[in-house]
């Protein structure tokens, strides 16, 4: 699908969203819109696989009824074995009544059982479609909400209209995972733009996701040699809608990732992430998204303290909430993630998030995390943590980014790149804060800006006023302050003025002016007009 078609699909879906959401706010309608888009992808992907599997036995129907409905009626004794085969092939099944084609037909004909069918269909997909259970996947969609209508009939009628509009609006577009996945990402971005500060909970701008992805896929010891062939496990412990994890997968290729791990505290966003994975063709066996609190480390898979048994990741990426207030208990000071560094202050959990991810980073892995600039220079407990990371040689690169890149905040942010084992004994500073395209609401990083940051990191390039490798002893003299302006000056260098040349130029100009006045006065004399005073 061309970029133009993708843009057309995104615009078509956004136009439908604007037209239909009515009394609902954008966040509420987002959940309906994205869930129906998700159902359409699952259904079309399934029906395509079914057609291939059944071959000549795939029913030919002239009515709007689903061919699979016909096959189920004609082959009741074969259904169990058929579904078993489909689970082996594409990892899930959907009963004919719950397919998008069936739901869309019910909406078109204003079937009064649409709402009931949707409710049972959502429960079926959550609990029975996949080998893994996706309990609560549609928990944020309240089909009994009065925002849809005051009684069953009005809610059913409203759903018929919404689904019909969506079905008509996207009928001409491809349903492959790349296309629908891109449309899903586009809608998340559009809804995020309208959600203000709430958007930070679930959306990392694609430009920033791309920078982090390009960094972590490179060889951790020798980035200049290029990308690794495979990352066995990758982690985002504050994954939002999962777009950052999917960007890493996109940069390395679909077969370049072994398994994706994500954690998300917000239930709505957690569901968005699970849908987003499946929409992009990631099989349920290829990812784990956990709903829980990263700071409390309540994911049982991450409880193992034994270094020989704990989970380790080839790449860790994250965009955690900035300067998040937390209440660490006394027990947490002995937590294996923090005990060698100390606890981050209550006022800002930034380093707590960082240390969580860093603990689970493999020795040859790379971690890239987006944080507010304060982590670079704040004192107290944060200075202690920063000092130890620097002395241990774990901070590899500091990248300063422009202000106003996020929907949720206008503050400038930085990217910290960390490694357990790194070859350079210095720290690379990149000051990209002045390199951006100004937008109406947010500033943007173009592909040129992104490539420059990635190339500077990969090849450890030094460039005046942009990047510099700084020895650890210089950082020590600065009391382990990583404020970028201490190491890279962004001020314009004043040009040296050649006073002799300036004087000669002024003399030449004076002579030219004098000659022109003499010539002009000759014309004035001929016209018997007052002459101009000489400049000499």
Protein backbone atom coordinates (compact mmCIF):
# COMPACT_ATOMS: atom_id res chain seq x y z
CA UNK A 1 0.00 0.00 0.00
CA UNK A 2 1.38 3.39 -0.96
CA UNK A 3 2.03 6.14 1.56
CA UNK A 4 -0.70 8.16 -0.14
CA UNK A 5 -3.24 5.35 0.32
CA UNK A 6 -2.21 4.95 3.94
CA UNK A 7 -2.77 8.66 4.47
CA UNK A 8 -6.16 8.42 2.74
CA UNK A 9 -7.18 5.53 5.00
CA UNK A 10 -6.08 7.39 8.10
CA UNK A 11 -7.95 10.52 7.02
CA UNK A 12 -11.07 8.49 6.16
CA UNK A 13 -11.08 6.86 9.60
CA UNK A 14 -10.47 10.15 11.39
CA UNK A 15 -13.30 11.79 9.44
CA UNK A 16 -15.61 8.97 10.55
CA UNK A 17 -14.49 9.42 14.15
CA UNK A 18 -15.20 13.16 14.04
CA UNK A 19 -18.58 12.57 12.45
CA UNK A 20 -19.76 9.85 14.81
CA UNK A 21 -18.46 10.52 18.26
CA UNK A 22 -21.28 12.97 19.05
CA UNK A 23 -21.77 13.27 22.80
CA UNK A 24 -18.74 11.10 23.59
CA UNK A 25 -15.38 12.63 24.33
CA UNK A 26 -12.44 11.60 22.15
CA UNK A 27 -11.03 9.13 24.69
CA UNK A 28 -14.30 7.21 25.00
CA UNK A 29 -14.90 7.03 21.28
CA UNK A 30 -11.29 6.00 20.66
CA UNK A 31 -11.92 2.70 22.42
CA UNK A 32 -14.95 1.90 20.22
CA UNK A 33 -13.27 2.95 17.00
CA UNK A 34 -10.03 1.08 17.62
CA UNK A 35 -11.84 -2.04 18.84
CA UNK A 36 -13.95 -2.24 15.70
CA UNK A 37 -10.87 -1.70 13.55
CA UNK A 38 -9.19 -4.50 15.51
CA UNK A 39 -12.16 -6.83 14.96
CA UNK A 40 -12.14 -6.08 11.25
CA UNK A 41 -8.46 -6.98 10.94
CA UNK A 42 -8.79 -10.21 12.93
CA UNK A 43 -11.82 -11.23 10.88
CA UNK A 44 -10.42 -10.44 7.45
CA UNK A 45 -7.11 -12.12 8.28
CA UNK A 46 -8.98 -15.18 9.54
CA UNK A 47 -11.34 -15.42 6.57
CA UNK A 48 -8.40 -15.10 4.17
CA UNK A 49 -6.63 -17.99 5.93
CA UNK A 50 -9.86 -20.03 5.96
CA UNK A 51 -10.33 -19.57 2.22
CA UNK A 52 -6.78 -20.79 1.64
CA UNK A 53 -7.25 -23.75 4.00
CA UNK A 54 -10.57 -24.94 2.55
CA UNK A 55 -9.58 -24.36 -1.04
CA UNK A 56 -12.23 -25.86 -3.32
CA UNK A 57 -14.49 -26.56 -0.35
CA UNK A 58 -14.79 -22.86 0.46
CA UNK A 59 -18.50 -22.07 -0.14
CA UNK A 60 -19.49 -19.69 -2.91
CA UNK A 61 -22.36 -17.50 -1.77
CA UNK A 62 -24.25 -14.80 -3.60
CA UNK A 63 -25.92 -13.29 -0.55
CA UNK A 64 -24.26 -11.14 2.13
CA UNK A 65 -23.97 -14.09 4.49
CA UNK A 66 -20.42 -15.14 5.40
CA UNK A 67 -19.15 -18.19 3.43
CA UNK A 68 -17.85 -19.60 6.71
CA UNK A 69 -21.36 -19.52 8.17
CA UNK A 70 -22.49 -21.72 5.29
CA UNK A 71 -19.55 -24.10 5.76
CA UNK A 72 -20.26 -24.46 9.51
CA UNK A 73 -23.89 -25.40 8.75
CA UNK A 74 -22.91 -27.91 6.08
CA UNK A 75 -20.03 -29.53 8.05
CA UNK A 76 -20.99 -29.64 11.73
CA UNK A 77 -18.92 -32.76 12.48
CA UNK A 78 -15.75 -31.26 10.97
CA UNK A 79 -15.77 -27.99 12.91
CA UNK A 80 -13.64 -29.16 15.84
CA UNK A 81 -10.82 -30.53 13.66
CA UNK A 82 -11.03 -27.52 11.36
CA UNK A 83 -10.61 -25.06 14.26
CA UNK A 84 -7.72 -27.13 15.61
CA UNK A 85 -6.00 -26.80 12.24
CA UNK A 86 -6.62 -23.02 12.11
CA UNK A 87 -5.08 -22.59 15.57
CA UNK A 88 -1.97 -24.34 14.32
CA UNK A 89 -1.81 -22.14 11.22
CA UNK A 90 -2.66 -18.63 12.50
CA UNK A 91 -2.98 -19.16 16.25
CA UNK A 92 -6.66 -18.19 16.62
CA UNK A 93 -10.22 -18.88 15.47
CA UNK A 94 -13.40 -16.80 15.25
CA UNK A 95 -16.86 -18.31 15.03
CA UNK A 96 -18.80 -17.12 11.95
CA UNK A 97 -21.35 -15.11 13.93
CA UNK A 98 -18.61 -12.90 15.40
CA UNK A 99 -16.75 -12.13 12.17
CA UNK A 100 -16.70 -8.49 11.07
CA UNK A 101 -18.57 -9.41 7.87
CA UNK A 102 -21.41 -10.86 9.98
CA UNK A 103 -21.42 -7.91 12.40
CA UNK A 104 -21.37 -5.39 9.52
CA UNK A 105 -24.29 -7.17 7.85
CA UNK A 106 -26.28 -7.04 11.10
CA UNK A 107 -25.53 -3.31 11.31
CA UNK A 108 -26.55 -2.73 7.70
CA UNK A 109 -29.89 -4.48 8.22
CA UNK A 110 -30.47 -2.79 11.60
CA UNK A 111 -30.66 -6.17 13.32
CA UNK A 112 -31.94 -5.72 16.86
CA UNK A 113 -29.58 -8.45 18.16
CA UNK A 114 -26.41 -6.61 17.13
CA UNK A 115 -25.57 -5.36 20.62
CA UNK A 116 -26.06 -8.82 22.20
CA UNK A 117 -23.97 -10.42 19.45
CA UNK A 118 -21.17 -7.92 19.98
CA UNK A 119 -21.16 -8.53 23.74
CA UNK A 120 -20.91 -12.31 23.32
CA UNK A 121 -18.42 -11.89 20.46
CA UNK A 122 -16.07 -9.77 22.55
CA UNK A 123 -16.22 -12.32 25.39
CA UNK A 124 -15.52 -15.11 22.90
CA UNK A 125 -12.43 -13.37 21.48
CA UNK A 126 -11.13 -12.61 24.98
CA UNK A 127 -11.51 -16.14 26.31
CA UNK A 128 -11.69 -18.63 23.44
CA UNK A 129 -10.24 -17.31 20.17
CA UNK A 130 -6.56 -17.59 21.10
CA UNK A 131 -4.44 -20.22 22.81
CA UNK A 132 -3.51 -17.46 25.24
CA UNK A 133 -6.45 -15.84 26.99
CA UNK A 134 -6.85 -12.10 26.50
CA UNK A 135 -9.15 -11.47 29.43
CA UNK A 136 -10.45 -7.94 29.64
CA UNK A 137 -9.28 -7.04 26.15
CA UNK A 138 -12.51 -5.12 25.53
CA UNK A 139 -13.11 -4.14 29.15
CA UNK A 140 -13.00 -0.44 28.35
CA UNK A 141 -15.87 -0.71 25.86
CA UNK A 142 -19.10 -0.36 27.78
CA UNK A 143 -21.86 -1.43 25.42
CA UNK A 144 -24.39 -0.61 28.15
CA UNK A 145 -23.18 2.98 28.46
CA UNK A 146 -25.78 5.73 28.32
CA UNK A 147 -23.35 7.60 26.10
CA UNK A 148 -24.51 5.21 23.39
CA UNK A 149 -28.18 5.63 24.31
CA UNK A 150 -30.61 5.54 27.22
CA UNK A 151 -32.02 2.11 26.46
CA UNK A 152 -31.14 -1.07 24.57
CA UNK A 153 -32.93 -0.06 21.38
CA UNK A 154 -31.24 3.33 21.05
CA UNK A 155 -27.82 1.83 21.89
CA UNK A 156 -28.33 -0.89 19.31
CA UNK A 157 -29.37 1.69 16.69
CA UNK A 158 -26.33 3.86 17.50
CA UNK A 159 -23.99 0.87 17.14
CA UNK A 160 -25.62 -0.06 13.82
CA UNK A 161 -24.87 3.44 12.53
CA UNK A 162 -21.29 3.51 13.83
CA UNK A 163 -20.38 0.09 12.45
CA UNK A 164 -22.06 0.76 9.09
CA UNK A 165 -20.14 3.99 8.66
CA UNK A 166 -16.84 2.33 9.54
CA UNK A 167 -17.57 -0.62 7.23
CA UNK A 168 -18.41 1.69 4.31
CA UNK A 169 -15.50 4.05 5.01
CA UNK A 170 -12.79 1.39 4.95
CA UNK A 171 -14.29 -1.10 2.50
CA UNK A 172 -12.02 -0.04 -0.39
CA UNK A 173 -8.80 -0.31 1.60
CA UNK A 174 -6.50 -3.30 2.09
CA UNK A 175 -6.83 -5.29 5.31
CA UNK A 176 -3.26 -6.61 5.64
CA UNK A 177 -1.53 -6.14 9.00
CA UNK A 178 0.80 -3.38 7.79
CA UNK A 179 -2.07 -1.32 6.41
CA UNK A 180 -4.50 -1.72 9.29
CA UNK A 181 -1.65 -1.54 11.80
CA UNK A 182 -0.51 1.78 10.31
CA UNK A 183 -4.12 3.04 10.39
CA UNK A 184 -4.38 2.02 14.04
CA UNK A 185 -1.16 3.90 14.86
CA UNK A 186 -2.41 6.91 12.92
CA UNK A 187 -5.67 6.99 14.89
CA UNK A 188 -3.85 6.62 18.20
CA UNK A 189 -1.72 9.62 17.20
CA UNK A 190 -4.77 11.65 16.19
CA UNK A 191 -6.63 10.85 19.39
CA UNK A 192 -3.46 11.63 21.35
CA UNK A 193 -3.25 15.05 19.70
CA UNK A 194 -6.72 15.81 20.98
CA UNK A 195 -6.11 14.44 24.46
CA UNK A 196 -3.50 16.93 25.62
CA UNK A 197 -1.65 15.83 28.73
CA UNK A 198 -3.41 12.46 28.82
CA UNK A 199 -1.65 11.48 25.60
CA UNK A 200 1.64 11.02 27.41
CA UNK A 201 0.13 7.95 29.06
CA UNK A 202 -0.05 5.99 25.86
CA UNK A 203 1.77 7.58 22.95
CA UNK A 204 5.42 8.19 22.08
CA UNK A 205 5.81 10.28 18.91
CA UNK A 206 7.00 8.05 16.08
CA UNK A 207 10.11 10.16 15.46
CA UNK A 208 11.34 9.49 19.01
CA UNK A 209 10.40 5.82 18.78
CA UNK A 210 12.48 5.58 15.61
CA UNK A 211 15.56 7.14 17.25
CA UNK A 212 15.42 4.73 20.18
CA UNK A 213 14.81 1.78 17.86
CA UNK A 214 17.72 2.65 15.56
CA UNK A 215 20.01 2.82 18.60
CA UNK A 216 19.07 -0.42 20.37
CA UNK A 217 19.15 -2.66 17.28
CA UNK A 218 22.84 -1.85 16.72
CA UNK A 219 25.58 -4.07 18.11
CA UNK A 220 26.09 -3.00 21.72
CA UNK A 221 29.87 -3.36 21.71
CA UNK A 222 30.58 -2.18 18.16
CA UNK A 223 27.65 -0.03 16.93
CA UNK A 224 29.65 0.97 13.85
CA UNK A 225 29.37 -2.62 12.54
CA UNK A 226 25.63 -2.20 12.13
CA UNK A 227 22.48 -3.90 13.39
CA UNK A 228 22.34 -7.24 15.14
CA UNK A 229 20.79 -10.05 13.14
CA UNK A 230 18.43 -10.92 15.98
CA UNK A 231 17.27 -9.65 19.35
CA UNK A 232 16.02 -12.63 21.35
CA UNK A 233 14.08 -10.59 23.90
CA UNK A 234 13.14 -6.89 24.03
CA UNK A 235 11.43 -4.99 26.85
CA UNK A 236 9.47 -1.79 27.33
CA UNK A 237 8.46 -1.59 31.00
CA UNK A 238 6.14 1.42 30.44
CA UNK A 239 4.90 0.40 27.03
CA UNK A 240 1.75 2.50 26.59
CA UNK A 241 0.07 1.43 23.35
CA UNK A 242 3.12 -0.63 22.37
CA UNK A 243 4.20 1.61 19.49
CA UNK A 244 7.81 1.79 20.69
CA UNK A 245 8.18 -2.00 20.82
CA UNK A 246 6.62 -2.32 17.38
CA UNK A 247 9.00 0.30 16.01
CA UNK A 248 11.98 -1.80 17.18
CA UNK A 249 10.42 -4.78 15.40
CA UNK A 250 9.90 -2.69 12.27
CA UNK A 251 13.52 -1.47 12.23
CA UNK A 252 14.98 -4.95 12.63
CA UNK A 253 12.38 -6.83 10.57
CA UNK A 254 9.54 -9.14 11.60
CA UNK A 255 11.83 -12.15 11.97
CA UNK A 256 14.49 -10.24 13.89
CA UNK A 257 12.74 -10.32 17.28
CA UNK A 258 12.42 -13.48 19.37
CA UNK A 259 9.88 -12.29 21.95
CA UNK A 260 8.43 -8.93 22.93
CA UNK A 261 7.79 -8.05 26.58
CA UNK A 262 5.83 -5.01 27.72
CA UNK A 263 4.36 -3.75 30.98
CA UNK A 264 1.67 -1.11 31.41
CA UNK A 265 -0.13 0.17 34.52
CA UNK A 266 -3.10 1.87 32.84
CA UNK A 267 -5.80 -0.70 31.98
CA UNK A 268 -7.09 1.14 28.90
CA UNK A 269 -3.60 1.56 27.49
CA UNK A 270 -2.73 -2.04 28.36
CA UNK A 271 -5.63 -3.19 26.18
CA UNK A 272 -4.56 -0.86 23.36
CA UNK A 273 -1.09 -2.43 23.48
CA UNK A 274 -2.40 -5.99 23.24
CA UNK A 275 -4.64 -5.11 20.30
CA UNK A 276 -1.78 -3.21 18.66
CA UNK A 277 0.49 -6.27 18.78
CA UNK A 278 -2.09 -8.54 17.19
CA UNK A 279 -3.00 -5.90 14.60
CA UNK A 280 0.62 -5.79 13.46
CA UNK A 281 0.73 -9.53 12.92
CA UNK A 282 2.59 -10.39 16.13
CA UNK A 283 1.37 -13.85 17.16
CA UNK A 284 0.08 -14.30 20.69
CA UNK A 285 3.03 -16.62 21.38
CA UNK A 286 5.48 -13.87 20.35
CA UNK A 287 4.62 -11.29 22.97
CA UNK A 288 3.68 -10.85 26.63
CA UNK A 289 2.08 -7.64 27.84
CA UNK A 290 1.56 -7.47 31.60
CA UNK A 291 -0.87 -5.20 33.43
CA UNK A 292 0.85 -3.98 36.58
CA UNK A 293 3.07 -1.49 38.40
CA UNK A 294 6.67 -1.52 37.17
CA UNK A 295 8.02 0.37 40.20
CA UNK A 296 6.63 -2.28 42.55
CA UNK A 297 7.89 -5.01 40.21
CA UNK A 298 4.66 -7.01 40.50
CA UNK A 299 5.24 -9.13 37.38
CA UNK A 300 6.15 -12.58 38.71
CA UNK A 301 8.42 -13.29 35.72
CA UNK A 302 10.67 -10.44 36.92
CA UNK A 303 10.91 -11.48 40.59
CA UNK A 304 13.96 -13.74 40.17
CA UNK A 305 16.96 -12.14 41.90
CA UNK A 306 19.44 -14.91 41.01
CA UNK A 307 21.65 -13.50 38.20
CA UNK A 308 21.84 -16.95 36.60
CA UNK A 309 18.06 -17.32 36.36
CA UNK A 310 16.68 -13.80 35.92
CA UNK A 311 15.20 -12.57 32.66
CA UNK A 312 17.68 -10.58 30.57
CA UNK A 313 16.95 -8.48 27.50
CA UNK A 314 19.03 -7.69 24.44
CA UNK A 315 17.26 -4.35 24.14
CA UNK A 316 15.35 -2.21 26.62
CA UNK A 317 13.42 0.86 25.46
CA UNK A 318 11.16 3.13 27.48
CA UNK A 319 9.37 6.44 27.68
CA UNK A 320 8.16 6.37 31.31
CA UNK A 321 6.03 9.16 32.84
CA UNK A 322 8.24 12.18 33.54
CA UNK A 323 9.07 13.09 37.16
CA UNK A 324 6.39 10.72 38.44
CA UNK A 325 5.67 11.07 42.17
CA UNK A 326 5.92 7.80 44.05
CA UNK A 327 5.91 6.52 47.64
CA UNK A 328 8.74 3.98 47.97
CA UNK A 329 8.48 1.74 51.02
CA UNK A 330 11.42 0.98 53.30
CA UNK A 331 11.52 -2.54 51.83
CA UNK A 332 12.22 -1.15 48.38
CA UNK A 333 15.58 0.18 49.53
CA UNK A 334 16.68 -3.47 49.72
CA UNK A 335 15.11 -4.37 46.38
CA UNK A 336 17.69 -6.01 44.09
CA UNK A 337 17.07 -3.32 41.46
CA UNK A 338 17.90 -0.39 43.74
CA UNK A 339 20.04 -1.53 46.68
CA UNK A 340 23.40 -0.78 45.03
CA UNK A 341 22.31 2.70 43.95
CA UNK A 342 19.78 4.03 46.45
CA UNK A 343 16.17 5.05 45.91
CA UNK A 344 15.07 7.82 43.59
CA UNK A 345 13.39 10.69 45.47
CA UNK A 346 9.63 10.72 46.06
CA UNK A 347 9.29 13.79 43.86
CA UNK A 348 10.67 12.08 40.74
CA UNK A 349 10.78 8.34 40.01
CA UNK A 350 12.80 8.84 36.80
CA UNK A 351 15.86 6.98 38.06
CA UNK A 352 13.69 4.26 39.62
CA UNK A 353 12.29 3.50 36.18
CA UNK A 354 15.77 3.63 34.67
CA UNK A 355 17.26 1.25 37.27
CA UNK A 356 14.41 -1.21 36.79
CA UNK A 357 15.11 -1.52 33.08
CA UNK A 358 18.87 -1.45 33.54
CA UNK A 359 18.75 -4.35 36.00
CA UNK A 360 17.23 -6.62 33.37
CA UNK A 361 19.54 -5.53 30.54
CA UNK A 362 21.85 -8.25 29.17
CA UNK A 363 25.60 -7.69 29.38
CA UNK A 364 25.84 -7.15 25.61
CA UNK A 365 22.51 -5.33 25.34
CA UNK A 366 21.60 -1.67 24.87
CA UNK A 367 19.05 0.40 26.76
CA UNK A 368 17.62 3.69 25.48
CA UNK A 369 15.24 5.68 27.68
CA UNK A 370 13.54 9.07 27.29
CA UNK A 371 13.74 11.23 30.43
CA UNK A 372 13.36 14.90 31.45
CA UNK A 373 16.56 16.96 31.49
CA UNK A 374 16.51 17.12 35.29
CA UNK A 375 18.06 13.66 35.55
CA UNK A 376 21.23 15.10 34.05
CA UNK A 377 21.94 17.60 36.83
CA UNK A 378 19.63 17.27 39.85
CA UNK A 379 21.42 16.70 43.15
CA UNK A 380 20.75 14.57 46.22
CA UNK A 381 19.75 10.94 45.67
CA UNK A 382 19.71 11.41 41.90
CA UNK A 383 23.29 12.68 41.89
CA UNK A 384 24.36 9.60 43.84
CA UNK A 385 22.71 7.26 41.31
CA UNK A 386 24.10 9.19 38.34
CA UNK A 387 27.60 9.20 39.85
CA UNK A 388 27.64 5.41 40.33
CA UNK A 389 26.36 4.76 36.80
CA UNK A 390 29.11 7.01 35.41
CA UNK A 391 31.91 5.58 37.55
CA UNK A 392 30.82 2.05 36.60
CA UNK A 393 30.97 3.06 32.92
CA UNK A 394 27.28 2.40 32.26
CA UNK A 395 26.20 5.68 30.69
CA UNK A 396 27.23 5.55 27.05
CA UNK A 397 25.47 8.49 25.38
CA UNK A 398 23.44 11.57 26.33
CA UNK A 399 21.20 13.02 23.59
CA UNK A 400 19.51 16.39 24.07
CA UNK A 401 16.29 16.81 22.09
CA UNK A 402 14.20 19.87 21.14
CA UNK A 403 11.40 21.19 23.33
CA UNK A 404 7.72 20.68 22.53
CA UNK A 405 7.94 17.27 20.83
CA UNK A 406 5.19 15.69 22.95
CA UNK A 407 1.45 16.20 23.10
CA UNK A 408 1.64 15.92 26.87
CA UNK A 409 4.38 18.42 27.73
CA UNK A 410 6.44 21.17 26.14
CA UNK A 411 9.59 20.54 28.16
CA UNK A 412 12.77 19.47 26.39
CA UNK A 413 13.77 15.86 27.00
CA UNK A 414 16.86 13.74 26.63
CA UNK A 415 17.68 10.17 25.69
CA UNK A 416 20.09 8.23 27.88
CA UNK A 417 21.81 5.22 26.32
CA UNK A 418 23.08 2.71 28.88
CA UNK A 419 25.12 -0.49 28.66
CA UNK A 420 26.39 -3.02 31.19
CA UNK A 421 29.63 -3.38 29.23
CA UNK A 422 30.83 -0.70 26.81
CA UNK A 423 34.16 -0.21 25.07
CA UNK A 424 34.54 3.59 25.00
CA UNK A 425 35.70 5.01 28.35
CA UNK A 426 34.09 8.35 27.56
CA UNK A 427 30.53 9.62 27.20
CA UNK A 428 29.16 10.82 23.87
CA UNK A 429 27.09 14.00 24.10
CA UNK A 430 24.76 14.93 21.23
CA UNK A 431 23.07 18.32 21.30
CA UNK A 432 20.16 18.01 18.86
CA UNK A 433 18.03 20.59 20.66
CA UNK A 434 18.24 23.18 17.86
CA UNK A 435 17.64 20.74 15.01
CA UNK A 436 13.90 20.43 14.29
CA UNK A 437 11.03 21.63 12.14
CA UNK A 438 8.64 24.00 13.87
CA UNK A 439 5.00 22.90 13.80
CA UNK A 440 1.76 24.59 14.76
CA UNK A 441 1.27 22.62 17.97
CA UNK A 442 4.34 20.40 18.28
CA UNK A 443 7.82 20.59 16.89
CA UNK A 444 8.83 17.79 14.53
CA UNK A 445 11.98 15.84 13.80
CA UNK A 446 12.41 15.16 10.10
CA UNK A 447 13.99 11.99 8.73
CA UNK A 448 17.16 14.05 8.19
CA UNK A 449 17.31 14.99 11.88
CA UNK A 450 16.64 11.39 12.95
CA UNK A 451 19.32 9.97 10.65
CA UNK A 452 21.87 12.51 11.87
CA UNK A 453 21.31 11.54 15.51
CA UNK A 454 21.45 7.81 14.70
CA UNK A 455 24.59 8.15 12.55
CA UNK A 456 26.34 10.30 15.18
CA UNK A 457 25.63 7.66 17.81
CA UNK A 458 26.58 4.73 15.58
CA UNK A 459 29.91 6.13 14.42
CA UNK A 460 30.60 8.24 17.52
CA UNK A 461 31.09 11.30 15.34
CA UNK A 462 32.32 14.55 16.88
CA UNK A 463 31.03 17.77 15.31
CA UNK A 464 31.49 21.33 16.50
CA UNK A 465 28.46 22.59 18.46
CA UNK A 466 26.62 19.29 17.88
CA UNK A 467 28.45 16.30 19.38
CA UNK A 468 31.48 15.54 21.50
CA UNK A 469 33.07 12.59 23.31
CA UNK A 470 33.88 13.65 26.87
CA UNK A 471 36.39 11.85 29.07
CA UNK A 472 35.16 10.69 32.46
CA UNK A 473 37.75 12.81 34.30
CA UNK A 474 36.24 15.97 32.80
CA UNK A 475 32.80 14.82 33.93
CA UNK A 476 34.28 14.14 37.38
CA UNK A 477 35.63 17.71 37.50
CA UNK A 478 32.08 18.85 36.80
CA UNK A 479 30.90 16.81 39.83
CA UNK A 480 29.18 14.27 37.57
CA UNK A 481 26.80 16.87 36.19
CA UNK A 482 25.69 15.82 32.71
CA UNK A 483 24.07 19.08 31.68
CA UNK A 484 24.79 19.11 27.96
CA UNK A 485 25.63 22.83 27.81
CA UNK A 486 28.65 22.17 30.06
CA UNK A 487 30.24 20.06 27.35
CA UNK A 488 28.85 21.42 24.07
CA UNK A 489 28.43 25.14 23.54
CA UNK A 490 25.44 26.11 21.44
CA UNK A 491 26.32 29.82 21.39
CA UNK A 492 27.25 31.34 18.05
CA UNK A 493 30.96 31.96 17.83
CA UNK A 494 31.65 35.64 17.12
CA UNK A 495 33.55 36.14 13.90
CA UNK A 496 36.91 37.85 14.20
CA UNK A 497 36.77 41.32 12.67
CA UNK A 498 39.65 42.43 10.44
CA UNK A 499 39.72 46.14 11.29
CA UNK A 500 42.26 46.98 8.57
CA UNK A 501 40.06 45.41 5.89
CA UNK A 502 36.96 47.18 7.25
CA UNK A 503 38.81 50.53 7.16
CA UNK A 504 40.01 49.98 3.57
CA UNK A 505 36.44 49.06 2.52
CA UNK A 506 35.08 52.25 4.10
CA UNK A 507 37.74 54.40 2.35
CA UNK A 508 36.85 52.81 -0.98
CA UNK A 509 33.15 53.48 -0.39
CA UNK A 510 33.91 57.11 0.52
CA UNK A 511 35.82 57.59 -2.74
CA UNK A 512 32.99 56.07 -4.79
CA UNK A 513 30.44 58.32 -3.06
CA UNK A 514 32.62 61.41 -3.73
CA UNK A 515 33.01 60.58 -7.44
CA UNK A 516 29.27 60.07 -7.85
CA UNK A 517 28.45 63.37 -6.12
CA UNK A 518 30.81 65.26 -8.51
CA UNK A 519 29.15 63.63 -11.53
CA UNK A 520 25.67 64.38 -10.15
CA UNK A 521 26.57 68.04 -9.47
CA UNK A 522 27.61 68.53 -13.15
CA UNK A 523 24.07 67.54 -14.18
CA UNK A 524 22.59 69.88 -11.57
CA UNK A 525 24.74 72.83 -12.85
CA UNK A 526 23.50 72.25 -16.42
CA UNK A 527 19.92 72.36 -15.10
CA UNK A 528 20.78 75.49 -13.05
CA UNK A 529 19.79 73.70 -9.83
CA UNK A 530 21.56 73.90 -6.42
CA UNK A 531 24.45 71.48 -6.24
CA UNK A 532 25.05 68.97 -3.41
CA UNK A 533 27.83 69.52 -0.88
CA UNK A 534 30.93 67.48 -1.55
CA UNK A 535 31.74 64.57 0.75
CA UNK A 536 35.44 65.42 0.59
